Amino acid sequence: MSCPAAAKRKVQKVSGLRRIQGLARMENTASIRVLEKNGYQREGVLRGYPFGREFHDAVMLAAVR
């Protein structure tokens, strides 16, 4: 089971937990695809998001109960 799938199961089991989100650099299409296959939906693009000491565009995805 992938991490996004495990996280989504936790959202379904834990009372009060309504949302879990993932963030991936735009060029990381494999990570975006894994999140989408596990029910996460794209919510938007964060331009110039800080990753360590660098800034990159990132895709925000979320699974909402």
PDB file of N, CA and C in Angstrom:
ATOM      1  N   MET A   1       0.850  -1.177   0.000  1.00  0.00           N
ATOM      2  CA  MET A   1       0.000   0.000   0.000  1.00  0.00           C
ATOM      3  C   MET A   1       0.893   1.237   0.000  1.00  0.00           C
ATOM      4  N   SER A   2       0.561   2.185  -0.840  1.00  0.00           N
ATOM      5  CA  SER A   2       1.351   3.420  -0.912  1.00  0.00           C
ATOM      6  C   SER A   2       1.014   4.337   0.265  1.00  0.00           C
ATOM      7  N   CYS A   3       1.893   5.294   0.515  1.00  0.00           N
ATOM      8  CA  CYS A   3       1.665   6.254   1.608  1.00  0.00           C
ATOM      9  C   CYS A   3       0.368   7.036   1.426  1.00  0.00           C
ATOM     10  N   PRO A   4       0.064   7.539   0.190  1.00  0.00           N
ATOM     11  CA  PRO A   4      -1.206   8.256   0.035  1.00  0.00           C
ATOM     12  C   PRO A   4      -2.414   7.376   0.341  1.00  0.00           C
ATOM     13  N   ALA A   5      -2.359   6.091  -0.035  1.00  0.00           N
ATOM     14  CA  ALA A   5      -3.479   5.193   0.248  1.00  0.00           C
ATOM     15  C   ALA A   5      -3.616   4.975   1.751  1.00  0.00           C
ATOM     16  N   ALA A   6      -2.503   4.793   2.445  1.00  0.00           N
ATOM     17  CA  ALA A   6      -2.541   4.615   3.895  1.00  0.00           C
ATOM     18  C   ALA A   6      -3.075   5.862   4.577  1.00  0.00           C
ATOM     19  N   ALA A   7      -2.659   7.019   4.110  1.00  0.00           N
ATOM     20  CA  ALA A   7      -3.137   8.276   4.692  1.00  0.00           C
ATOM     21  C   ALA A   7      -4.635   8.429   4.478  1.00  0.00           C
ATOM     22  N   LYS A   8      -5.108   8.053   3.285  1.00  0.00           N
ATOM     23  CA  LYS A   8      -6.538   8.169   3.004  1.00  0.00           C
ATOM     24  C   LYS A   8      -7.349   7.246   3.916  1.00  0.00           C
ATOM     25  N   ARG A   9      -6.835   6.052   4.197  1.00  0.00           N
ATOM     26  CA  ARG A   9      -7.522   5.146   5.118  1.00  0.00           C
ATOM     27  C   ARG A   9      -7.601   5.753   6.514  1.00  0.00           C
ATOM     28  N   LYS A  10      -6.546   6.447   6.925  1.00  0.00           N
ATOM     29  CA  LYS A  10      -6.557   7.113   8.235  1.00  0.00           C
ATOM     30  C   LYS A  10      -7.634   8.190   8.273  1.00  0.00           C
ATOM     31  N   VAL A  11      -7.789   8.940   7.188  1.00  0.00           N
ATOM     32  CA  VAL A  11      -8.828   9.975   7.126  1.00  0.00           C
ATOM     33  C   VAL A  11     -10.188   9.340   7.341  1.00  0.00           C
ATOM     34  N   GLN A  12     -10.398   8.167   6.754  1.00  0.00           N
ATOM     35  CA  GLN A  12     -11.691   7.500   6.873  1.00  0.00           C
ATOM     36  C   GLN A  12     -11.918   6.935   8.271  1.00  0.00           C
ATOM     37  N   LYS A  13     -10.844   6.531   8.975  1.00  0.00           N
ATOM     38  CA  LYS A  13     -10.983   5.876  10.279  1.00  0.00           C
ATOM     39  C   LYS A  13     -10.970   6.827  11.468  1.00  0.00           C
ATOM     40  N   VAL A  14     -10.221   7.907  11.381  1.00  0.00           N
ATOM     41  CA  VAL A  14     -10.054   8.804  12.525  1.00  0.00           C
ATOM     42  C   VAL A  14     -11.206   9.807  12.564  1.00  0.00           C
ATOM     43  N   SER A  15     -11.934   9.817  13.668  1.00  0.00           N
ATOM     44  CA  SER A  15     -13.037  10.760  13.777  1.00  0.00           C
ATOM     45  C   SER A  15     -12.493  12.176  13.917  1.00  0.00           C
ATOM     46  N   GLY A  16     -13.138  13.099  13.264  1.00  0.00           N
ATOM     47  CA  GLY A  16     -12.734  14.486  13.329  1.00  0.00           C
ATOM     48  C   GLY A  16     -11.717  14.880  12.262  1.00  0.00           C
ATOM     49  N   LEU A  17     -11.015  13.902  11.690  1.00  0.00           N
ATOM     50  CA  LEU A  17     -10.049  14.198  10.638  1.00  0.00           C
ATOM     51  C   LEU A  17     -10.787  14.256   9.309  1.00  0.00           C
ATOM     52  N   ARG A  18     -10.795  15.422   8.696  1.00  0.00           N
ATOM     53  CA  ARG A  18     -11.607  15.615   7.504  1.00  0.00           C
ATOM     54  C   ARG A  18     -10.797  15.842   6.237  1.00  0.00           C
ATOM     55  N   ARG A  19      -9.518  16.133   6.378  1.00  0.00           N
ATOM     56  CA  ARG A  19      -8.740  16.502   5.204  1.00  0.00           C
ATOM     57  C   ARG A  19      -7.287  16.078   5.385  1.00  0.00           C
ATOM     58  N   ILE A  20      -6.723  15.571   4.292  1.00  0.00           N
ATOM     59  CA  ILE A  20      -5.287  15.317   4.263  1.00  0.00           C
ATOM     60  C   ILE A  20      -4.777  15.815   2.918  1.00  0.00           C
ATOM     61  N   GLN A  21      -3.645  16.486   2.936  1.00  0.00           N
ATOM     62  CA  GLN A  21      -3.179  17.095   1.697  1.00  0.00           C
ATOM     63  C   GLN A  21      -1.768  16.667   1.366  1.00  0.00           C
ATOM     64  N   GLY A  22      -1.463  16.753   0.082  1.00  0.00           N
ATOM     65  CA  GLY A  22      -0.140  16.412  -0.409  1.00  0.00           C
ATOM     66  C   GLY A  22       0.380  17.542  -1.274  1.00  0.00           C
ATOM     67  N   LEU A  23       1.680  17.630  -1.349  1.00  0.00           N
ATOM     68  CA  LEU A  23       2.329  18.687  -2.107  1.00  0.00           C
ATOM     69  C   LEU A  23       3.444  18.050  -2.920  1.00  0.00           C
ATOM     70  N   ALA A  24       3.499  18.360  -4.210  1.00  0.00           N
ATOM     71  CA  ALA A  24       4.550  17.818  -5.073  1.00  0.00           C
ATOM     72  C   ALA A  24       5.022  18.894  -6.032  1.00  0.00           C
ATOM     73  N   ARG A  25       6.321  18.882  -6.311  1.00  0.00           N
ATOM     74  CA  ARG A  25       6.835  19.819  -7.307  1.00  0.00           C
ATOM     75  C   ARG A  25       6.178  19.516  -8.646  1.00  0.00           C
ATOM     76  N   MET A  26       5.909  20.546  -9.425  1.00  0.00           N
ATOM     77  CA  MET A  26       5.190  20.385 -10.690  1.00  0.00           C
ATOM     78  C   MET A  26       5.870  19.403 -11.633  1.00  0.00           C
ATOM     79  N   GLU A  27       7.195  19.368 -11.640  1.00  0.00           N
ATOM     80  CA  GLU A  27       7.898  18.472 -12.552  1.00  0.00           C
ATOM     81  C   GLU A  27       7.916  17.017 -12.067  1.00  0.00           C
ATOM     82  N   ASN A  28       7.435  16.769 -10.858  1.00  0.00           N
ATOM     83  CA  ASN A  28       7.402  15.418 -10.301  1.00  0.00           C
ATOM     84  C   ASN A  28       6.065  14.755 -10.642  1.00  0.00           C
ATOM     85  N   THR A  29       5.907  14.429 -11.913  1.00  0.00           N
ATOM     86  CA  THR A  29       4.634  13.882 -12.391  1.00  0.00           C
ATOM     87  C   THR A  29       4.317  12.522 -11.774  1.00  0.00           C
ATOM     88  N   ALA A  30       5.336  11.732 -11.433  1.00  0.00           N
ATOM     89  CA  ALA A  30       5.089  10.421 -10.829  1.00  0.00           C
ATOM     90  C   ALA A  30       4.394  10.565  -9.472  1.00  0.00           C
ATOM     91  N   SER A  31       4.862  11.478  -8.636  1.00  0.00           N
ATOM     92  CA  SER A  31       4.231  11.687  -7.325  1.00  0.00           C
ATOM     93  C   SER A  31       2.808  12.217  -7.468  1.00  0.00           C
ATOM     94  N   ILE A  32       2.613  13.117  -8.407  1.00  0.00           N
ATOM     95  CA  ILE A  32       1.271  13.662  -8.647  1.00  0.00           C
ATOM     96  C   ILE A  32       0.334  12.546  -9.084  1.00  0.00           C
ATOM     97  N   ARG A  33       0.807  11.676  -9.968  1.00  0.00           N
ATOM     98  CA  ARG A  33      -0.010  10.564 -10.471  1.00  0.00           C
ATOM     99  C   ARG A  33      -0.373   9.601  -9.330  1.00  0.00           C
ATOM    100  N   VAL A  34       0.573   9.296  -8.444  1.00  0.00           N
ATOM    101  CA  VAL A  34       0.297   8.403  -7.303  1.00  0.00           C
ATOM    102  C   VAL A  34      -0.786   8.997  -6.419  1.00  0.00           C
ATOM    103  N   LEU A  35      -0.681  10.280  -6.112  1.00  0.00           N
ATOM    104  CA  LEU A  35      -1.705  10.929  -5.282  1.00  0.00           C
ATOM    105  C   LEU A  35      -3.069  10.887  -5.958  1.00  0.00           C
ATOM    106  N   GLU A  36      -3.124  11.204  -7.254  1.00  0.00           N
ATOM    107  CA  GLU A  36      -4.398  11.201  -7.969  1.00  0.00           C
ATOM    108  C   GLU A  36      -5.004   9.799  -8.037  1.00  0.00           C
ATOM    109  N   LYS A  37      -4.175   8.781  -8.225  1.00  0.00           N
ATOM    110  CA  LYS A  37      -4.679   7.399  -8.270  1.00  0.00           C
ATOM    111  C   LYS A  37      -5.267   6.972  -6.930  1.00  0.00           C
ATOM    112  N   ASN A  38      -4.854   7.632  -5.859  1.00  0.00           N
ATOM    113  CA  ASN A  38      -5.352   7.314  -4.529  1.00  0.00           C
ATOM    114  C   ASN A  38      -6.457   8.252  -4.066  1.00  0.00           C
ATOM    115  N   GLY A  39      -7.074   8.940  -5.009  1.00  0.00           N
ATOM    116  CA  GLY A  39      -8.253   9.729  -4.687  1.00  0.00           C
ATOM    117  C   GLY A  39      -8.019  11.183  -4.337  1.00  0.00           C
ATOM    118  N   TYR A  40      -6.786  11.635  -4.386  1.00  0.00           N
ATOM    119  CA  TYR A  40      -6.506  13.044  -4.122  1.00  0.00           C
ATOM    120  C   TYR A  40      -6.886  13.860  -5.357  1.00  0.00           C
ATOM    121  N   GLN A  41      -7.403  15.049  -5.133  1.00  0.00           N
ATOM    122  CA  GLN A  41      -7.779  15.934  -6.238  1.00  0.00           C
ATOM    123  C   GLN A  41      -6.906  17.173  -6.227  1.00  0.00           C
ATOM    124  N   ARG A  42      -6.550  17.623  -7.428  1.00  0.00           N
ATOM    125  CA  ARG A  42      -5.743  18.840  -7.536  1.00  0.00           C
ATOM    126  C   ARG A  42      -6.560  20.039  -7.068  1.00  0.00           C
ATOM    127  N   GLU A  43      -5.928  20.867  -6.267  1.00  0.00           N
ATOM    128  CA  GLU A  43      -6.595  22.067  -5.776  1.00  0.00           C
ATOM    129  C   GLU A  43      -5.967  23.339  -6.313  1.00  0.00           C
ATOM    130  N   GLY A  44      -4.731  23.255  -6.756  1.00  0.00           N
ATOM    131  CA  GLY A  44      -4.118  24.461  -7.285  1.00  0.00           C
ATOM    132  C   GLY A  44      -2.610  24.344  -7.386  1.00  0.00           C
ATOM    133  N   VAL A  45      -2.012  25.424  -7.871  1.00  0.00           N
ATOM    134  CA  VAL A  45      -0.562  25.502  -8.037  1.00  0.00           C
ATOM    135  C   VAL A  45      -0.033  26.608  -7.135  1.00  0.00           C
ATOM    136  N   LEU A  46       0.988  26.288  -6.375  1.00  0.00           N
ATOM    137  CA  LEU A  46       1.643  27.271  -5.514  1.00  0.00           C
ATOM    138  C   LEU A  46       2.908  27.722  -6.232  1.00  0.00           C
ATOM    139  N   ARG A  47       2.936  28.939  -6.695  1.00  0.00           N
ATOM    140  CA  ARG A  47       4.086  29.473  -7.427  1.00  0.00           C
ATOM    141  C   ARG A  47       5.183  29.890  -6.454  1.00  0.00           C
ATOM    142  N   GLY A  48       6.408  29.505  -6.773  1.00  0.00           N
ATOM    143  CA  GLY A  48       7.543  29.912  -5.950  1.00  0.00           C
ATOM    144  C   GLY A  48       7.499  29.380  -4.530  1.00  0.00           C
ATOM    145  N   TYR A  49       7.021  28.154  -4.342  1.00  0.00           N
ATOM    146  CA  TYR A  49       6.910  27.561  -3.009  1.00  0.00           C
ATOM    147  C   TYR A  49       8.293  27.136  -2.519  1.00  0.00           C
ATOM    148  N   PRO A  50       8.627  27.393  -1.256  1.00  0.00           N
ATOM    149  CA  PRO A  50       9.970  27.045  -0.765  1.00  0.00           C
ATOM    150  C   PRO A  50      10.125  25.542  -0.507  1.00  0.00           C
ATOM    151  N   PHE A  51      11.132  24.951  -1.142  1.00  0.00           N
ATOM    152  CA  PHE A  51      11.550  23.574  -0.894  1.00  0.00           C
ATOM    153  C   PHE A  51      12.989  23.657  -0.417  1.00  0.00           C
ATOM    154  N   GLY A  52      13.208  23.576   0.878  1.00  0.00           N
ATOM    155  CA  GLY A  52      14.556  23.753   1.420  1.00  0.00           C
ATOM    156  C   GLY A  52      15.016  25.179   1.153  1.00  0.00           C
ATOM    157  N   ARG A  53      16.141  25.311   0.469  1.00  0.00           N
ATOM    158  CA  ARG A  53      16.676  26.640   0.157  1.00  0.00           C
ATOM    159  C   ARG A  53      16.328  27.094  -1.256  1.00  0.00           C
ATOM    160  N   GLU A  54      15.548  26.299  -1.957  1.00  0.00           N
ATOM    161  CA  GLU A  54      15.162  26.628  -3.326  1.00  0.00           C
ATOM    162  C   GLU A  54      13.665  26.914  -3.394  1.00  0.00           C
ATOM    163  N   PHE A  55      13.262  27.559  -4.461  1.00  0.00           N
ATOM    164  CA  PHE A  55      11.850  27.871  -4.679  1.00  0.00           C
ATOM    165  C   PHE A  55      11.406  27.222  -5.981  1.00  0.00           C
ATOM    166  N   HIS A  56      10.294  26.500  -5.918  1.00  0.00           N
ATOM    167  CA  HIS A  56       9.761  25.789  -7.080  1.00  0.00           C
ATOM    168  C   HIS A  56       8.244  25.930  -7.111  1.00  0.00           C
ATOM    169  N   ASP A  57       7.668  25.759  -8.291  1.00  0.00           N
ATOM    170  CA  ASP A  57       6.223  25.681  -8.387  1.00  0.00           C
ATOM    171  C   ASP A  57       5.793  24.304  -7.884  1.00  0.00           C
ATOM    172  N   ALA A  58       4.688  24.256  -7.139  1.00  0.00           N
ATOM    173  CA  ALA A  58       4.222  23.007  -6.545  1.00  0.00           C
ATOM    174  C   ALA A  58       2.725  22.840  -6.788  1.00  0.00           C
ATOM    175  N   VAL A  59       2.302  21.590  -6.871  1.00  0.00           N
ATOM    176  CA  VAL A  59       0.886  21.259  -7.025  1.00  0.00           C
ATOM    177  C   VAL A  59       0.351  20.826  -5.664  1.00  0.00           C
ATOM    178  N   MET A  60      -0.773  21.409  -5.246  1.00  0.00           N
ATOM    179  CA  MET A  60      -1.433  21.035  -3.997  1.00  0.00           C
ATOM    180  C   MET A  60      -2.569  20.082  -4.346  1.00  0.00           C
ATOM    181  N   LEU A  61      -2.581  18.921  -3.687  1.00  0.00           N
ATOM    182  CA  LEU A  61      -3.645  17.935  -3.861  1.00  0.00           C
ATOM    183  C   LEU A  61      -4.205  17.610  -2.494  1.00  0.00           C
ATOM    184  N   ALA A  62      -5.466  17.208  -2.425  1.00  0.00           N
ATOM    185  CA  ALA A  62      -6.067  16.889  -1.129  1.00  0.00           C
ATOM    186  C   ALA A  62      -7.134  15.808  -1.270  1.00  0.00           C
ATOM    187  N   ALA A  63      -7.274  15.032  -0.208  1.00  0.00           N
ATOM    188  CA  ALA A  63      -8.370  14.076  -0.058  1.00  0.00           C
ATOM    189  C   ALA A  63      -9.237  14.609   1.078  1.00  0.00           C
ATOM    190  N   VAL A  64     -10.488  14.844   0.788  1.00  0.00           N
ATOM    191  CA  VAL A  64     -11.412  15.412   1.771  1.00  0.00           C
ATOM    192  C   VAL A  64     -12.555  14.449   1.990  1.00  0.00           C
ATOM    193  N   ARG A  65     -12.886  14.245   3.261  1.00  0.00           N
ATOM    194  CA  ARG A  65     -13.979  13.336   3.590  1.00  0.00           C
ATOM    195  C   ARG A  65     -15.289  14.061   3.519  1.00  0.00           C
TER     196      ARG A  65
END
